[in-house]
Amino acid sequence: MADPNSPRRILDSLRLAPQFFSLGPFRSEGLERRGDAWRLHAEVRAAFHQPLPRRHRRKDGLYPLTDDGRFWSAMDFPHRPGEYRTLRTEILVRETDGGGWELSFDVSEAAVPLALELCFRRGGELSGDGLEPVAGSDDTYQLVSGEATYTVGDDRITFGPGNGKGGKQPPVVEPGERYTWMNGSLTPDGIRVLITGRSPLTYRMTLR
């Protein structure tokens, strides 16, 4: 985005937030060149904890405080069987002719709801026939179909397409347990647009 008239000044952030064991938004484990694109990727793993085997049960119920990778609890995790699930994410980012961008998302393995959140600086105008307000969330919209445009003065950015809606893909950005257990939030200030889906998912978004 070297163009001085680029819309970079009005799009503050873009993040992917799967609802996977309350682990929070996507955090890339690396960045590498892949042909004409840049690749970001991550693999996260978590378990459904099963009952302790009988031989490790204590009559007094006093189990050691241990860490399962997400939180600490007196559940004796080392001796507790787990049924593991994995979520794999790959994002390819490439610049298109005219200074726009194309982002290809591939989220696989586990079946979970997810949301892409675009946050724009205040002071502009959001438009698009496929936009719907998200109930209970101020300044937050879901792009259900087609493209939308955010305009500030002579700058504008058009993005999309929307990816539908429904109970299996709610317009929710989950901050993760490391924040919610302290009543924290990662909600950025601005005008937010969510594009939702459910993994396994391949989705391509354009910004221009």
C-alpha atoms as a PDB file:
ATOM      1  CA  MET A   1       0.000   0.000   0.000  1.00  0.00           C
ATOM      2  CA  ALA A   2       2.529   2.591  -1.097  1.00  0.00           C
ATOM      3  CA  ASP A   3      -0.089   4.783  -2.766  1.00  0.00           C
ATOM      4  CA  PRO A   4      -0.552   7.977  -0.652  1.00  0.00           C
ATOM      5  CA  ASN A   5      -4.284   7.762  -1.407  1.00  0.00           C
ATOM      6  CA  SER A   6      -4.417   4.234   0.005  1.00  0.00           C
ATOM      7  CA  PRO A   7      -7.309   3.384   2.374  1.00  0.00           C
ATOM      8  CA  ARG A   8      -4.804   2.129   4.968  1.00  0.00           C
ATOM      9  CA  ARG A   9      -5.571   5.171   7.107  1.00  0.00           C
ATOM     10  CA  ILE A  10      -9.160   4.115   7.746  1.00  0.00           C
ATOM     11  CA  LEU A  11      -8.825   0.353   8.352  1.00  0.00           C
ATOM     12  CA  ASP A  12      -7.226  -0.020  11.777  1.00  0.00           C
ATOM     13  CA  SER A  13      -7.304  -3.783  12.223  1.00  0.00           C
ATOM     14  CA  LEU A  14      -8.391  -7.119  10.817  1.00  0.00           C
ATOM     15  CA  ARG A  15      -8.424 -10.304  12.859  1.00  0.00           C
ATOM     16  CA  LEU A  16      -9.740 -13.853  12.742  1.00  0.00           C
ATOM     17  CA  ALA A  17     -11.437 -15.206  15.868  1.00  0.00           C
ATOM     18  CA  PRO A  18     -12.465 -18.889  16.000  1.00  0.00           C
ATOM     19  CA  GLN A  19     -14.578 -20.100  18.924  1.00  0.00           C
ATOM     20  CA  PHE A  20     -12.205 -22.937  19.785  1.00  0.00           C
ATOM     21  CA  PHE A  21     -11.874 -23.879  23.471  1.00  0.00           C
ATOM     22  CA  SER A  22     -11.741 -20.157  24.384  1.00  0.00           C
ATOM     23  CA  LEU A  23      -8.190 -19.861  23.043  1.00  0.00           C
ATOM     24  CA  GLY A  24      -8.911 -16.476  21.515  1.00  0.00           C
ATOM     25  CA  PRO A  25      -8.124 -14.912  18.119  1.00  0.00           C
ATOM     26  CA  PHE A  26      -5.725 -16.371  15.558  1.00  0.00           C
ATOM     27  CA  ARG A  27      -2.074 -15.714  16.399  1.00  0.00           C
ATOM     28  CA  SER A  28       0.331 -16.624  13.652  1.00  0.00           C
ATOM     29  CA  GLU A  29       3.197 -18.995  14.429  1.00  0.00           C
ATOM     30  CA  GLY A  30       5.230 -17.696  11.519  1.00  0.00           C
ATOM     31  CA  LEU A  31       5.422 -15.558   8.389  1.00  0.00           C
ATOM     32  CA  GLU A  32       6.966 -16.822   5.166  1.00  0.00           C
ATOM     33  CA  ARG A  33       7.064 -16.010   1.482  1.00  0.00           C
ATOM     34  CA  ARG A  34       4.973 -18.343  -0.672  1.00  0.00           C
ATOM     35  CA  GLY A  35       5.254 -17.410  -4.359  1.00  0.00           C
ATOM     36  CA  ASP A  36       3.576 -14.043  -4.815  1.00  0.00           C
ATOM     37  CA  ALA A  37       1.962 -14.225  -1.377  1.00  0.00           C
ATOM     38  CA  TRP A  38       2.851 -14.115   2.300  1.00  0.00           C
ATOM     39  CA  ARG A  39       1.760 -17.082   4.416  1.00  0.00           C
ATOM     40  CA  LEU A  40       0.648 -16.926   8.051  1.00  0.00           C
ATOM     41  CA  HIS A  41      -0.221 -20.127   9.861  1.00  0.00           C
ATOM     42  CA  ALA A  42      -1.037 -21.662  13.244  1.00  0.00           C
ATOM     43  CA  GLU A  43      -2.054 -24.964  14.765  1.00  0.00           C
ATOM     44  CA  VAL A  44      -3.736 -25.064  18.180  1.00  0.00           C
ATOM     45  CA  ARG A  45      -4.740 -28.103  20.206  1.00  0.00           C
ATOM     46  CA  ALA A  46      -6.978 -28.563  23.222  1.00  0.00           C
ATOM     47  CA  ALA A  47      -8.784 -31.387  24.986  1.00  0.00           C
ATOM     48  CA  PHE A  48     -12.093 -32.428  26.425  1.00  0.00           C
ATOM     49  CA  HIS A  49     -11.019 -33.715  29.859  1.00  0.00           C
ATOM     50  CA  GLN A  50     -12.261 -37.174  30.835  1.00  0.00           C
ATOM     51  CA  PRO A  51     -12.765 -38.628  34.342  1.00  0.00           C
ATOM     52  CA  LEU A  52      -9.719 -39.614  36.323  1.00  0.00           C
ATOM     53  CA  PRO A  53      -8.889 -43.307  36.218  1.00  0.00           C
ATOM     54  CA  ARG A  54      -9.944 -45.006  39.421  1.00  0.00           C
ATOM     55  CA  ARG A  55      -6.364 -45.655  40.541  1.00  0.00           C
ATOM     56  CA  HIS A  56      -5.653 -41.880  40.658  1.00  0.00           C
ATOM     57  CA  ARG A  57      -8.775 -40.844  42.540  1.00  0.00           C
ATOM     58  CA  ARG A  58      -8.430 -39.467  46.052  1.00  0.00           C
ATOM     59  CA  LYS A  59     -11.041 -39.864  48.786  1.00  0.00           C
ATOM     60  CA  ASP A  60     -10.250 -36.414  50.161  1.00  0.00           C
ATOM     61  CA  GLY A  61     -10.682 -34.780  46.729  1.00  0.00           C
ATOM     62  CA  LEU A  62      -7.432 -32.836  47.146  1.00  0.00           C
ATOM     63  CA  TYR A  63      -5.739 -32.939  43.765  1.00  0.00           C
ATOM     64  CA  PRO A  64      -2.614 -31.024  42.727  1.00  0.00           C
ATOM     65  CA  LEU A  65      -2.995 -27.674  41.018  1.00  0.00           C
ATOM     66  CA  THR A  66      -1.819 -28.232  37.437  1.00  0.00           C
ATOM     67  CA  ASP A  67      -1.878 -26.460  34.073  1.00  0.00           C
ATOM     68  CA  ASP A  68      -3.602 -27.880  30.989  1.00  0.00           C
ATOM     69  CA  GLY A  69      -2.144 -25.198  28.686  1.00  0.00           C
ATOM     70  CA  ARG A  70      -5.138 -22.897  29.007  1.00  0.00           C
ATOM     71  CA  PHE A  71      -5.776 -22.573  32.742  1.00  0.00           C
ATOM     72  CA  TRP A  72      -4.726 -23.877  36.150  1.00  0.00           C
ATOM     73  CA  SER A  73      -7.053 -26.103  38.165  1.00  0.00           C
ATOM     74  CA  ALA A  74      -6.951 -28.765  40.875  1.00  0.00           C
ATOM     75  CA  MET A  75      -7.891 -31.454  38.352  1.00  0.00           C
ATOM     76  CA  ASP A  76      -4.656 -33.486  38.197  1.00  0.00           C
ATOM     77  CA  PHE A  77      -4.304 -32.991  34.446  1.00  0.00           C
ATOM     78  CA  PRO A  78      -1.229 -35.248  34.039  1.00  0.00           C
ATOM     79  CA  HIS A  79      -3.296 -38.298  35.095  1.00  0.00           C
ATOM     80  CA  ARG A  80      -6.551 -37.261  33.426  1.00  0.00           C
ATOM     81  CA  PRO A  81      -7.218 -38.637  29.899  1.00  0.00           C
ATOM     82  CA  GLY A  82      -8.081 -36.104  27.235  1.00  0.00           C
ATOM     83  CA  GLU A  83      -9.959 -36.252  23.952  1.00  0.00           C
ATOM     84  CA  TYR A  84      -7.978 -33.835  21.804  1.00  0.00           C
ATOM     85  CA  ARG A  85      -9.121 -31.568  19.009  1.00  0.00           C
ATOM     86  CA  THR A  86      -6.948 -29.557  16.613  1.00  0.00           C
ATOM     87  CA  LEU A  87      -7.602 -26.386  14.643  1.00  0.00           C
ATOM     88  CA  ARG A  88      -5.316 -25.524  11.732  1.00  0.00           C
ATOM     89  CA  THR A  89      -5.315 -22.120  10.073  1.00  0.00           C
ATOM     90  CA  GLU A  90      -3.489 -20.850   7.005  1.00  0.00           C
ATOM     91  CA  ILE A  91      -3.816 -17.350   5.576  1.00  0.00           C
ATOM     92  CA  LEU A  92      -2.289 -16.243   2.275  1.00  0.00           C
ATOM     93  CA  VAL A  93      -2.001 -12.495   1.689  1.00  0.00           C
ATOM     94  CA  ARG A  94      -1.204 -11.125  -1.763  1.00  0.00           C
ATOM     95  CA  GLU A  95      -1.315  -7.705  -3.369  1.00  0.00           C
ATOM     96  CA  THR A  96      -3.514  -7.381  -6.446  1.00  0.00           C
ATOM     97  CA  ASP A  97      -3.273  -5.101  -9.442  1.00  0.00           C
ATOM     98  CA  GLY A  98      -4.274  -1.555  -8.534  1.00  0.00           C
ATOM     99  CA  GLY A  99      -3.001  -1.727  -4.955  1.00  0.00           C
ATOM    100  CA  GLY A 100      -5.744  -3.906  -3.484  1.00  0.00           C
ATOM    101  CA  TRP A 101      -5.301  -7.013  -1.365  1.00  0.00           C
ATOM    102  CA  GLU A 102      -6.563 -10.579  -1.463  1.00  0.00           C
ATOM    103  CA  LEU A 103      -6.669 -12.707   1.698  1.00  0.00           C
ATOM    104  CA  SER A 104      -7.288 -16.446   1.388  1.00  0.00           C
ATOM    105  CA  PHE A 105      -8.320 -18.262   4.580  1.00  0.00           C
ATOM    106  CA  ASP A 106      -8.164 -22.019   5.074  1.00  0.00           C
ATOM    107  CA  VAL A 107      -9.395 -23.204   8.496  1.00  0.00           C
ATOM    108  CA  SER A 108      -9.548 -26.968   8.945  1.00  0.00           C
ATOM    109  CA  GLU A 109      -9.806 -29.989  11.270  1.00  0.00           C
ATOM    110  CA  ALA A 110     -12.230 -28.912  14.038  1.00  0.00           C
ATOM    111  CA  ALA A 111     -15.761 -27.690  13.279  1.00  0.00           C
ATOM    112  CA  VAL A 112     -16.243 -24.360  15.069  1.00  0.00           C
ATOM    113  CA  PRO A 113     -17.843 -20.954  14.437  1.00  0.00           C
ATOM    114  CA  LEU A 114     -15.494 -18.139  13.488  1.00  0.00           C
ATOM    115  CA  ALA A 115     -15.606 -14.457  12.688  1.00  0.00           C
ATOM    116  CA  LEU A 116     -13.438 -12.107  10.676  1.00  0.00           C
ATOM    117  CA  GLU A 117     -13.504  -8.648  12.244  1.00  0.00           C
ATOM    118  CA  LEU A 118     -12.623  -5.486  10.349  1.00  0.00           C
ATOM    119  CA  CYS A 119     -12.379  -2.359  12.508  1.00  0.00           C
ATOM    120  CA  PHE A 120     -12.534   1.069  10.850  1.00  0.00           C
ATOM    121  CA  ARG A 121     -11.720   4.430  12.372  1.00  0.00           C
ATOM    122  CA  ARG A 122     -14.680   6.529  13.379  1.00  0.00           C
ATOM    123  CA  GLY A 123     -15.846   9.447  11.299  1.00  0.00           C
ATOM    124  CA  GLY A 124     -16.678   7.643   8.070  1.00  0.00           C
ATOM    125  CA  GLU A 125     -19.728   6.207   6.356  1.00  0.00           C
ATOM    126  CA  LEU A 126     -20.386   2.486   6.068  1.00  0.00           C
ATOM    127  CA  SER A 127     -22.587   1.276   3.208  1.00  0.00           C
ATOM    128  CA  GLY A 128     -23.637  -2.000   1.645  1.00  0.00           C
ATOM    129  CA  ASP A 129     -26.930  -3.790   1.005  1.00  0.00           C
ATOM    130  CA  GLY A 130     -25.703  -6.934   2.752  1.00  0.00           C
ATOM    131  CA  LEU A 131     -24.934  -5.240   6.100  1.00  0.00           C
ATOM    132  CA  GLU A 132     -27.006  -6.024   9.184  1.00  0.00           C
ATOM    133  CA  PRO A 133     -26.586  -4.502  12.685  1.00  0.00           C
ATOM    134  CA  VAL A 134     -25.468  -6.968  15.352  1.00  0.00           C
ATOM    135  CA  ALA A 135     -27.995  -6.929  18.200  1.00  0.00           C
ATOM    136  CA  GLY A 136     -26.546  -5.845  21.530  1.00  0.00           C
ATOM    137  CA  SER A 137     -23.238  -4.636  20.051  1.00  0.00           C
ATOM    138  CA  ASP A 138     -22.943  -0.914  19.330  1.00  0.00           C
ATOM    139  CA  ASP A 139     -21.257   0.099  16.063  1.00  0.00           C
ATOM    140  CA  THR A 140     -21.010  -3.543  14.960  1.00  0.00           C
ATOM    141  CA  TYR A 141     -22.398  -4.993  11.740  1.00  0.00           C
ATOM    142  CA  GLN A 142     -22.440  -8.356  10.019  1.00  0.00           C
ATOM    143  CA  LEU A 143     -21.761  -8.497   6.289  1.00  0.00           C
ATOM    144  CA  VAL A 144     -24.112 -11.245   5.169  1.00  0.00           C
ATOM    145  CA  SER A 145     -23.798 -10.917   1.404  1.00  0.00           C
ATOM    146  CA  GLY A 146     -22.125  -8.882  -1.317  1.00  0.00           C
ATOM    147  CA  GLU A 147     -19.549  -6.196  -0.642  1.00  0.00           C
ATOM    148  CA  ALA A 148     -19.493  -3.184   1.661  1.00  0.00           C
ATOM    149  CA  THR A 149     -17.656   0.145   1.510  1.00  0.00           C
ATOM    150  CA  TYR A 150     -16.299   2.423   4.212  1.00  0.00           C
ATOM    151  CA  THR A 151     -15.693   6.025   3.139  1.00  0.00           C
ATOM    152  CA  VAL A 152     -13.852   8.847   4.896  1.00  0.00           C
ATOM    153  CA  GLY A 153     -13.540  11.990   2.800  1.00  0.00           C
ATOM    154  CA  ASP A 154     -11.778  11.039  -0.428  1.00  0.00           C
ATOM    155  CA  ASP A 155     -10.606   7.706   0.994  1.00  0.00           C
ATOM    156  CA  ARG A 156     -12.649   4.523   0.732  1.00  0.00           C
ATOM    157  CA  ILE A 157     -12.156   0.820   1.046  1.00  0.00           C
ATOM    158  CA  THR A 158     -14.426  -1.824  -0.458  1.00  0.00           C
ATOM    159  CA  PHE A 159     -14.321  -5.311   1.023  1.00  0.00           C
ATOM    160  CA  GLY A 160     -16.121  -8.637   1.010  1.00  0.00           C
ATOM    161  CA  PRO A 161     -17.937 -10.724   0.082  1.00  0.00           C
ATOM    162  CA  GLY A 162     -20.229 -11.585   2.960  1.00  0.00           C
ATOM    163  CA  ASN A 163     -20.556 -15.232   3.913  1.00  0.00           C
ATOM    164  CA  GLY A 164     -24.104 -15.687   5.159  1.00  0.00           C
ATOM    165  CA  LYS A 165     -25.445 -15.897   8.694  1.00  0.00           C
ATOM    166  CA  GLY A 166     -27.253 -18.254  11.053  1.00  0.00           C
ATOM    167  CA  GLY A 167     -27.104 -20.039  14.358  1.00  0.00           C
ATOM    168  CA  LYS A 168     -24.041 -22.066  13.382  1.00  0.00           C
ATOM    169  CA  GLN A 169     -22.030 -18.933  12.576  1.00  0.00           C
ATOM    170  CA  PRO A 170     -23.035 -16.284  15.126  1.00  0.00           C
ATOM    171  CA  PRO A 171     -21.587 -12.734  14.877  1.00  0.00           C
ATOM    172  CA  VAL A 172     -19.363 -13.174  17.922  1.00  0.00           C
ATOM    173  CA  VAL A 173     -15.695 -12.293  18.388  1.00  0.00           C
ATOM    174  CA  GLU A 174     -14.394 -14.396  21.268  1.00  0.00           C
ATOM    175  CA  PRO A 175     -11.455 -12.713  23.071  1.00  0.00           C
ATOM    176  CA  GLY A 176     -10.293 -15.889  24.798  1.00  0.00           C
ATOM    177  CA  GLU A 177     -10.272 -17.146  28.338  1.00  0.00           C
ATOM    178  CA  ARG A 178      -7.042 -15.365  29.276  1.00  0.00           C
ATOM    179  CA  TYR A 179      -9.033 -12.105  29.035  1.00  0.00           C
ATOM    180  CA  THR A 180     -12.582 -13.081  29.973  1.00  0.00           C
ATOM    181  CA  TRP A 181     -11.635 -14.673  33.312  1.00  0.00           C
ATOM    182  CA  MET A 182     -10.633 -11.158  34.448  1.00  0.00           C
ATOM    183  CA  ASN A 183     -13.692  -9.581  32.775  1.00  0.00           C
ATOM    184  CA  GLY A 184     -11.357  -8.172  30.153  1.00  0.00           C
ATOM    185  CA  SER A 185     -12.130  -7.413  26.528  1.00  0.00           C
ATOM    186  CA  LEU A 186     -10.274  -7.100  23.243  1.00  0.00           C
ATOM    187  CA  THR A 187     -13.002  -5.120  21.499  1.00  0.00           C
ATOM    188  CA  PRO A 188     -11.300  -2.317  19.524  1.00  0.00           C
ATOM    189  CA  ASP A 189     -12.778   1.157  19.339  1.00  0.00           C
ATOM    190  CA  GLY A 190     -14.276   1.977  15.961  1.00  0.00           C
ATOM    191  CA  ILE A 191     -16.829   0.769  13.451  1.00  0.00           C
ATOM    192  CA  ARG A 192     -16.662  -3.021  13.310  1.00  0.00           C
ATOM    193  CA  VAL A 193     -17.820  -5.345  10.525  1.00  0.00           C
ATOM    194  CA  LEU A 194     -17.958  -9.104  11.000  1.00  0.00           C
ATOM    195  CA  ILE A 195     -17.857 -11.749   8.285  1.00  0.00           C
ATOM    196  CA  THR A 196     -18.765 -15.079   9.838  1.00  0.00           C
ATOM    197  CA  GLY A 197     -18.438 -18.728   8.935  1.00  0.00           C
ATOM    198  CA  ARG A 198     -17.839 -22.193  10.290  1.00  0.00           C
ATOM    199  CA  SER A 199     -14.819 -24.421   9.857  1.00  0.00           C
ATOM    200  CA  PRO A 200     -13.775 -26.406   7.912  1.00  0.00           C
ATOM    201  CA  LEU A 201     -13.806 -23.313   5.711  1.00  0.00           C
ATOM    202  CA  THR A 202     -12.044 -21.843   2.712  1.00  0.00           C
ATOM    203  CA  TYR A 203     -12.857 -18.194   2.101  1.00  0.00           C
ATOM    204  CA  ARG A 204     -11.316 -15.453  -0.003  1.00  0.00           C
ATOM    205  CA  MET A 205     -11.710 -11.786   0.878  1.00  0.00           C
ATOM    206  CA  THR A 206     -10.714  -8.823  -1.239  1.00  0.00           C
ATOM    207  CA  LEU A 207      -9.952  -5.294  -0.083  1.00  0.00           C
ATOM    208  CA  ARG A 208      -9.549  -2.485  -2.585  1.00  0.00           C
END
